[in-house]
Structures are given as structure tokens and as C-alpha cells.
């Protein structure tokens, strides 16, 4: 959520609401009965769980639990509006008084970290991202920011710890974080963390919508590991999506000029640049 977003109370959703109704966005709760103790000391307690509910543009209701710091964190899942009405209770006051301010504070901390990193102030950036991660250790932007900060400083060991965390977070590969995961993958490769880069790109290929830039970056990583066959395969995939990707065609030409690929090999000719692109 950005600073420009307006604060919204969770509306009392109604099934079959008109198209003009506000999108559902806010905090809801569920309750469950837990048994504590054993034998004669057994007693029942009611446990309350809070959820951030956010209706997507297509009408899907997406829910995410709050962590101990009252920040939406962890895996998201979709539910129907019928389930929301039957099993969840709205908590609009809690959203306004507690959750929304904490989300805004976290966002400001991450933005400060990103500004420090853009200015090359890496130690200040690290402090801000660390602070954000104490509030939400699974925050995608904060993890990417800290990982990129370590890579900027050439601290591969620390960057690898962040890589291992990010590669477990499916949310890191969602469309909204596309520019971040592209930057992170490129930085892994430039820091010669090639195995990590390929594992990372493999996860992106499985989860994200494939595009020519992702395939081109995978080709670059394979080339630096001397996997020429795989490099050519991903250049072909990139050009299949975008035949006008000049960089990919020039890369194929480079491989041919270096004797790493044969211009007479099946399929190579159609990957080479036109005469006007070859210079």
C-alpha cells in the first residue's frame, strides 16, 4: 500500500452487491476454539485470527493473515464472498486504528531504504531494510532491497542468505515485483553467483508470466557457465516471444563469430540478425 492510497474501512459486504459498490478492503477476523491442557485441567479457549481481505480487480477476494506485528504477511489465498460472509467478521475499527498506520509506517521505512540505496548510501539502506524486516520478515520489497544492497557491496555470503529466503517466497515473483526480481537476478549474475541466478530464474520461469527479458537473462547466465546449448535455447525462446529483440539476435551472432555455435546448425540462421542489425 502506498502513501497515496486513501484509507478504506472494511465495508459490510453483501452477496450480489451492485457493480457500483466499493471494493472490499480491510481487516476481518475468524474465531476458533482451542483446547488447552490435559485431563482434568483441560479447558477451552477462543482464539481470534485477523485477516487482511483485499478484493482484486477481477472480483476475487484475496486474504492474508496478520503477523504478530499486525502486518499482512505470509501466503495469500482466494475465498468466495459467500465464505467471507459466513465465516469472517469485519473489524473496520481495528484496520483504521492499528493495521493501516502500521502498514504505512512499514512502507515509509522501505521507501527510505530504497532512496538510500539509489544514492549509493548502502549502510543507511541496510539499516532501514533491516528495520522493515523486523516488522515483516517476509516483506518482498524489503528482502529485495536488502539483497540488492549486499550485492552492491559485493557481500555474496549475506546476499546468498537473502537469495535463499526470496526463492522460497512465491510472492517475490508476482507481476508487481517484476522490476525487482529482474534487477536481483541480473545482480546475482554480475556477482558470479551463477548457480543461484539460474535457480532463481528457474523459479521465476515456473511462477511468473514468461517474457523475452527473463529468457534473455537466463541465456546470459547459461553463457557465463559455458552452457552454450542452453544459452541458444533461451535466446530462441526470447525471440519467439519478441522477434525484434535485437540484443538476442546480436548475442546469437556473437556465439557464431566466436565459434561457439555454427551458422549452419538447424534453426540458427533464423535467429541471426538481419544485415541492417548486424552492426
Protein backbone atom coordinates (compact mmCIF):
# COMPACT_ATOMS: atom_id res chain seq x y z
CA UNK A 1 0.00 0.00 0.00
CA UNK A 2 1.49 3.37 -0.96
CA UNK A 3 1.30 6.71 0.81
CA UNK A 4 -1.04 7.94 -1.92
CA UNK A 5 -3.69 5.36 -1.13
CA UNK A 6 -6.72 6.53 0.80
CA UNK A 7 -7.71 4.77 3.98
CA UNK A 8 -10.67 2.48 3.46
CA UNK A 9 -12.84 0.90 6.10
CA UNK A 10 -13.85 -2.69 5.52
CA UNK A 11 -17.40 -2.44 4.18
CA UNK A 12 -20.13 -4.82 5.22
CA UNK A 13 -20.13 -6.89 2.06
CA UNK A 14 -23.39 -8.17 0.70
CA UNK A 15 -23.78 -11.00 -1.75
CA UNK A 16 -24.98 -9.79 -5.10
CA UNK A 17 -23.96 -6.19 -4.37
CA UNK A 18 -24.35 -3.80 -7.29
CA UNK A 19 -21.44 -3.10 -9.58
CA UNK A 20 -21.06 0.38 -8.13
CA UNK A 21 -20.23 -0.85 -4.60
CA UNK A 22 -16.80 -0.20 -3.14
CA UNK A 23 -14.22 -2.94 -3.38
CA UNK A 24 -13.79 -4.91 -0.16
CA UNK A 25 -10.54 -3.97 1.55
CA UNK A 26 -9.84 -4.18 5.25
CA UNK A 27 -9.50 -6.41 8.28
CA UNK A 28 -11.78 -9.34 9.10
CA UNK A 29 -11.48 -11.91 11.85
CA UNK A 30 -12.25 -15.57 12.44
CA UNK A 31 -12.59 -17.42 15.71
CA UNK A 32 -11.68 -20.98 16.62
CA UNK A 33 -11.96 -22.99 19.83
CA UNK A 34 -8.68 -24.38 21.15
CA UNK A 35 -8.22 -26.98 23.89
CA UNK A 36 -5.52 -26.15 26.43
CA UNK A 37 -4.10 -28.56 28.99
CA UNK A 38 -4.78 -32.27 29.55
CA UNK A 39 -7.04 -34.42 31.69
CA UNK A 40 -8.89 -32.58 34.45
CA UNK A 41 -7.02 -29.35 33.63
CA UNK A 42 -8.34 -29.22 30.08
CA UNK A 43 -10.11 -26.01 29.23
CA UNK A 44 -11.36 -24.39 26.07
CA UNK A 45 -10.21 -21.01 24.85
CA UNK A 46 -11.39 -18.92 21.91
CA UNK A 47 -8.62 -17.90 19.54
CA UNK A 48 -9.14 -14.93 17.26
CA UNK A 49 -7.25 -14.66 13.96
CA UNK A 50 -7.10 -11.48 11.93
CA UNK A 51 -7.02 -11.38 8.12
CA UNK A 52 -6.37 -8.66 5.58
CA UNK A 53 -9.01 -9.02 2.86
CA UNK A 54 -8.42 -7.31 -0.47
CA UNK A 55 -10.82 -7.63 -3.40
CA UNK A 56 -8.93 -7.85 -6.70
CA UNK A 57 -9.96 -6.04 -9.91
CA UNK A 58 -11.48 -9.26 -11.25
CA UNK A 59 -13.69 -9.62 -8.15
CA UNK A 60 -11.59 -12.33 -6.48
CA UNK A 61 -11.31 -11.99 -2.71
CA UNK A 62 -7.72 -12.45 -1.56
CA UNK A 63 -6.98 -12.98 2.14
CA UNK A 64 -3.70 -12.85 4.03
CA UNK A 65 -3.12 -13.40 7.76
CA UNK A 66 -1.69 -10.69 10.01
CA UNK A 67 1.60 -11.42 11.74
CA UNK A 68 2.33 -10.67 15.39
CA UNK A 69 3.08 -7.05 14.45
CA UNK A 70 -0.35 -6.71 12.80
CA UNK A 71 1.11 -6.55 9.29
CA UNK A 72 -0.39 -8.64 6.45
CA UNK A 73 2.25 -11.30 5.88
CA UNK A 74 2.63 -14.85 4.62
CA UNK A 75 0.75 -16.80 1.97
CA UNK A 76 -2.34 -15.37 0.32
CA UNK A 77 -5.34 -17.40 -0.75
CA UNK A 78 -8.60 -16.74 -2.53
CA UNK A 79 -12.03 -17.19 -0.96
CA UNK A 80 -15.56 -16.65 -2.17
CA UNK A 81 -17.73 -13.80 -0.99
CA UNK A 82 -20.09 -16.45 0.43
CA UNK A 83 -17.28 -17.76 2.65
CA UNK A 84 -16.42 -14.24 3.74
CA UNK A 85 -20.00 -13.55 4.77
CA UNK A 86 -20.42 -16.89 6.54
CA UNK A 87 -17.10 -17.25 8.36
CA UNK A 88 -15.50 -13.82 8.78
CA UNK A 89 -16.44 -10.81 10.90
CA UNK A 90 -15.49 -7.29 9.78
CA UNK A 91 -13.09 -5.33 12.00
CA UNK A 92 -13.11 -1.83 10.44
CA UNK A 93 -12.05 0.00 13.62
CA UNK A 94 -9.04 -2.29 14.05
CA UNK A 95 -7.97 -1.60 10.45
CA UNK A 96 -8.20 2.18 10.88
CA UNK A 97 -6.65 2.41 14.34
CA UNK A 98 -3.92 -0.23 14.17
CA UNK A 99 -3.25 -2.08 10.93
CA UNK A 100 -3.37 0.74 8.39
CA UNK A 101 -0.95 3.01 10.36
CA UNK A 102 1.49 0.11 10.79
CA UNK A 103 1.34 -0.70 7.07
CA UNK A 104 2.02 2.95 6.25
CA UNK A 105 4.94 3.10 8.68
CA UNK A 106 6.45 -0.05 7.17
CA UNK A 107 6.04 1.36 3.67
CA UNK A 108 7.80 4.60 4.64
CA UNK A 109 10.71 2.65 6.14
CA UNK A 110 11.13 0.64 2.92
CA UNK A 111 10.92 3.79 0.79
CA UNK A 112 13.68 5.38 2.87
CA UNK A 113 15.82 2.29 2.33
CA UNK A 114 15.21 2.41 -1.40
CA UNK A 115 16.13 6.11 -1.55
CA UNK A 116 19.37 5.46 0.36
CA UNK A 117 20.26 2.60 -1.97
CA UNK A 118 19.60 4.72 -5.09
CA UNK A 119 22.05 7.29 -3.71
CA UNK A 120 24.68 4.62 -3.01
CA UNK A 121 24.22 5.00 0.75
CA UNK A 122 24.31 1.27 1.30
CA UNK A 123 24.86 1.14 5.05
CA UNK A 124 21.93 3.50 5.68
CA UNK A 125 19.86 1.42 3.27
CA UNK A 126 20.76 -1.76 5.16
CA UNK A 127 19.58 -0.23 8.44
CA UNK A 128 16.19 0.73 7.00
CA UNK A 129 15.62 -2.64 5.30
CA UNK A 130 16.67 -4.48 8.47
CA UNK A 131 14.19 -2.42 10.46
CA UNK A 132 11.44 -3.26 7.97
CA UNK A 133 12.24 -6.96 8.18
CA UNK A 134 11.96 -6.99 11.97
CA UNK A 135 8.33 -5.98 11.42
CA UNK A 136 7.66 -8.29 8.46
CA UNK A 137 10.39 -10.80 7.68
CA UNK A 138 8.59 -11.92 4.51
CA UNK A 139 8.19 -8.45 3.03
CA UNK A 140 9.20 -8.82 -0.61
CA UNK A 141 10.38 -5.25 -1.23
CA UNK A 142 12.47 -5.18 1.94
CA UNK A 143 14.09 -8.53 1.14
CA UNK A 144 14.88 -7.49 -2.41
CA UNK A 145 16.22 -4.15 -1.18
CA UNK A 146 18.49 -5.78 1.39
CA UNK A 147 19.66 -8.41 -1.09
CA UNK A 148 20.48 -5.79 -3.71
CA UNK A 149 22.28 -3.73 -1.07
CA UNK A 150 24.50 -6.70 -0.18
CA UNK A 151 25.17 -7.39 -3.87
CA UNK A 152 26.06 -3.72 -4.41
CA UNK A 153 28.65 -4.13 -1.65
CA UNK A 154 29.90 -7.44 -3.05
CA UNK A 155 28.89 -9.31 0.12
CA UNK A 156 27.99 -12.56 -1.59
CA UNK A 157 27.61 -14.59 1.61
CA UNK A 158 24.99 -12.24 3.04
CA UNK A 159 23.32 -11.92 -0.36
CA UNK A 160 23.06 -15.70 -0.56
CA UNK A 161 21.07 -15.77 2.70
CA UNK A 162 18.59 -13.32 1.18
CA UNK A 163 18.51 -15.33 -2.05
CA UNK A 164 17.55 -18.47 -0.13
CA UNK A 165 14.74 -16.56 1.57
CA UNK A 166 13.44 -14.98 -1.64
CA UNK A 167 13.46 -18.18 -3.65
CA UNK A 168 11.04 -19.65 -1.08
CA UNK A 169 8.65 -16.71 -1.39
CA UNK A 170 6.24 -17.18 -4.27
CA UNK A 171 5.13 -13.57 -3.82
CA UNK A 172 8.59 -12.40 -4.91
CA UNK A 173 7.74 -13.45 -8.47
CA UNK A 174 4.39 -11.72 -8.76
CA UNK A 175 3.94 -9.15 -11.52
CA UNK A 176 4.03 -6.20 -9.12
CA UNK A 177 7.62 -7.07 -8.19
CA UNK A 178 8.81 -7.77 -11.73
CA UNK A 179 11.39 -4.97 -11.91
CA UNK A 180 12.82 -6.03 -8.54
CA UNK A 181 13.26 -9.68 -9.40
CA UNK A 182 14.81 -8.72 -12.75
CA UNK A 183 17.32 -6.44 -11.00
CA UNK A 184 18.10 -9.08 -8.40
CA UNK A 185 18.69 -11.82 -10.97
CA UNK A 186 21.00 -9.60 -13.00
CA UNK A 187 22.93 -8.63 -9.87
CA UNK A 188 23.34 -12.29 -8.89
CA UNK A 189 24.83 -13.00 -12.32
CA UNK A 190 27.13 -9.96 -12.25
CA UNK A 191 28.41 -11.10 -8.85
CA UNK A 192 29.24 -14.50 -10.36
CA UNK A 193 26.57 -16.22 -8.26
CA UNK A 194 25.61 -18.18 -11.36
CA UNK A 195 24.10 -21.27 -9.74
CA UNK A 196 21.93 -19.05 -7.59
CA UNK A 197 20.94 -16.94 -10.58
CA UNK A 198 19.83 -19.99 -12.54
CA UNK A 199 17.90 -21.45 -9.62
CA UNK A 200 16.27 -18.07 -9.11
CA UNK A 201 15.39 -17.71 -12.80
CA UNK A 202 14.03 -21.25 -12.84
CA UNK A 203 11.61 -20.31 -10.05
CA UNK A 204 10.66 -17.16 -11.94
CA UNK A 205 10.06 -19.15 -15.12
CA UNK A 206 7.76 -21.53 -13.24
CA UNK A 207 5.76 -18.85 -11.42
CA UNK A 208 5.92 -15.64 -13.42
CA UNK A 209 4.47 -14.76 -16.78
CA UNK A 210 7.31 -15.51 -19.18
CA UNK A 211 8.75 -12.64 -21.18
CA UNK A 212 11.66 -12.10 -23.53
CA UNK A 213 13.76 -10.28 -20.92
CA UNK A 214 13.53 -13.18 -18.48
CA UNK A 215 14.60 -15.65 -21.17
CA UNK A 216 17.39 -13.35 -22.35
CA UNK A 217 18.73 -13.08 -18.79
CA UNK A 218 18.58 -16.87 -18.41
CA UNK A 219 20.57 -17.16 -21.65
CA UNK A 220 23.21 -14.78 -20.28
CA UNK A 221 23.59 -16.85 -17.11
CA UNK A 222 23.91 -20.09 -19.09
CA UNK A 223 26.53 -18.48 -21.33
CA UNK A 224 28.64 -17.50 -18.34
CA UNK A 225 28.54 -21.15 -17.22
CA UNK A 226 29.57 -22.21 -20.75
CA UNK A 227 26.22 -23.93 -21.33
CA UNK A 228 26.06 -22.87 -24.99
CA UNK A 229 23.24 -25.22 -25.94
CA UNK A 230 21.01 -23.93 -23.13
CA UNK A 231 22.04 -20.36 -23.91
CA UNK A 232 20.89 -20.75 -27.52
CA UNK A 233 17.67 -22.45 -26.42
CA UNK A 234 16.70 -19.49 -24.24
CA UNK A 235 17.71 -16.95 -26.86
CA UNK A 236 15.36 -18.80 -29.22
CA UNK A 237 12.59 -18.62 -26.60
CA UNK A 238 13.17 -14.88 -26.19
CA UNK A 239 12.99 -14.32 -29.94
CA UNK A 240 9.91 -16.48 -30.22
CA UNK A 241 8.16 -14.03 -27.91
CA UNK A 242 9.74 -10.91 -29.42
CA UNK A 243 11.37 -11.42 -32.82
CA UNK A 244 12.56 -7.79 -32.72
CA UNK A 245 14.75 -8.28 -29.66
CA UNK A 246 17.96 -7.02 -31.25
CA UNK A 247 20.13 -7.89 -28.25
CA UNK A 248 19.20 -11.57 -28.53
CA UNK A 249 19.97 -11.70 -32.26
CA UNK A 250 23.33 -9.98 -31.72
CA UNK A 251 24.06 -12.46 -28.94
CA UNK A 252 23.48 -15.35 -31.37
CA UNK A 253 25.79 -13.64 -33.88
CA UNK A 254 28.44 -13.29 -31.18
CA UNK A 255 28.23 -17.02 -30.42
CA UNK A 256 28.64 -17.82 -34.13
CA UNK A 257 31.53 -15.36 -34.54
CA UNK A 258 33.29 -16.88 -31.54
CA UNK A 259 32.94 -20.36 -32.99
CA UNK A 260 30.68 -21.47 -30.13
CA UNK A 261 27.77 -22.11 -32.50
CA UNK A 262 27.58 -22.95 -36.18
CA UNK A 263 25.62 -20.76 -38.55
CA UNK A 264 24.73 -23.94 -40.44
CA UNK A 265 23.20 -25.67 -37.40
CA UNK A 266 19.43 -26.23 -37.58
CA UNK A 267 17.45 -23.17 -36.56
CA UNK A 268 20.45 -20.85 -36.11
CA UNK A 269 20.01 -18.88 -39.32
CA UNK A 270 16.56 -17.65 -38.32
CA UNK A 271 17.96 -16.35 -35.01
CA UNK A 272 20.70 -14.26 -36.60
CA UNK A 273 20.19 -10.53 -37.13
CA UNK A 274 19.21 -9.02 -40.44
CA UNK A 275 22.07 -7.33 -42.28
CA UNK A 276 20.89 -3.93 -41.07
CA UNK A 277 21.04 -5.09 -37.44
CA UNK A 278 24.40 -6.80 -37.58
CA UNK A 279 26.49 -3.73 -36.84
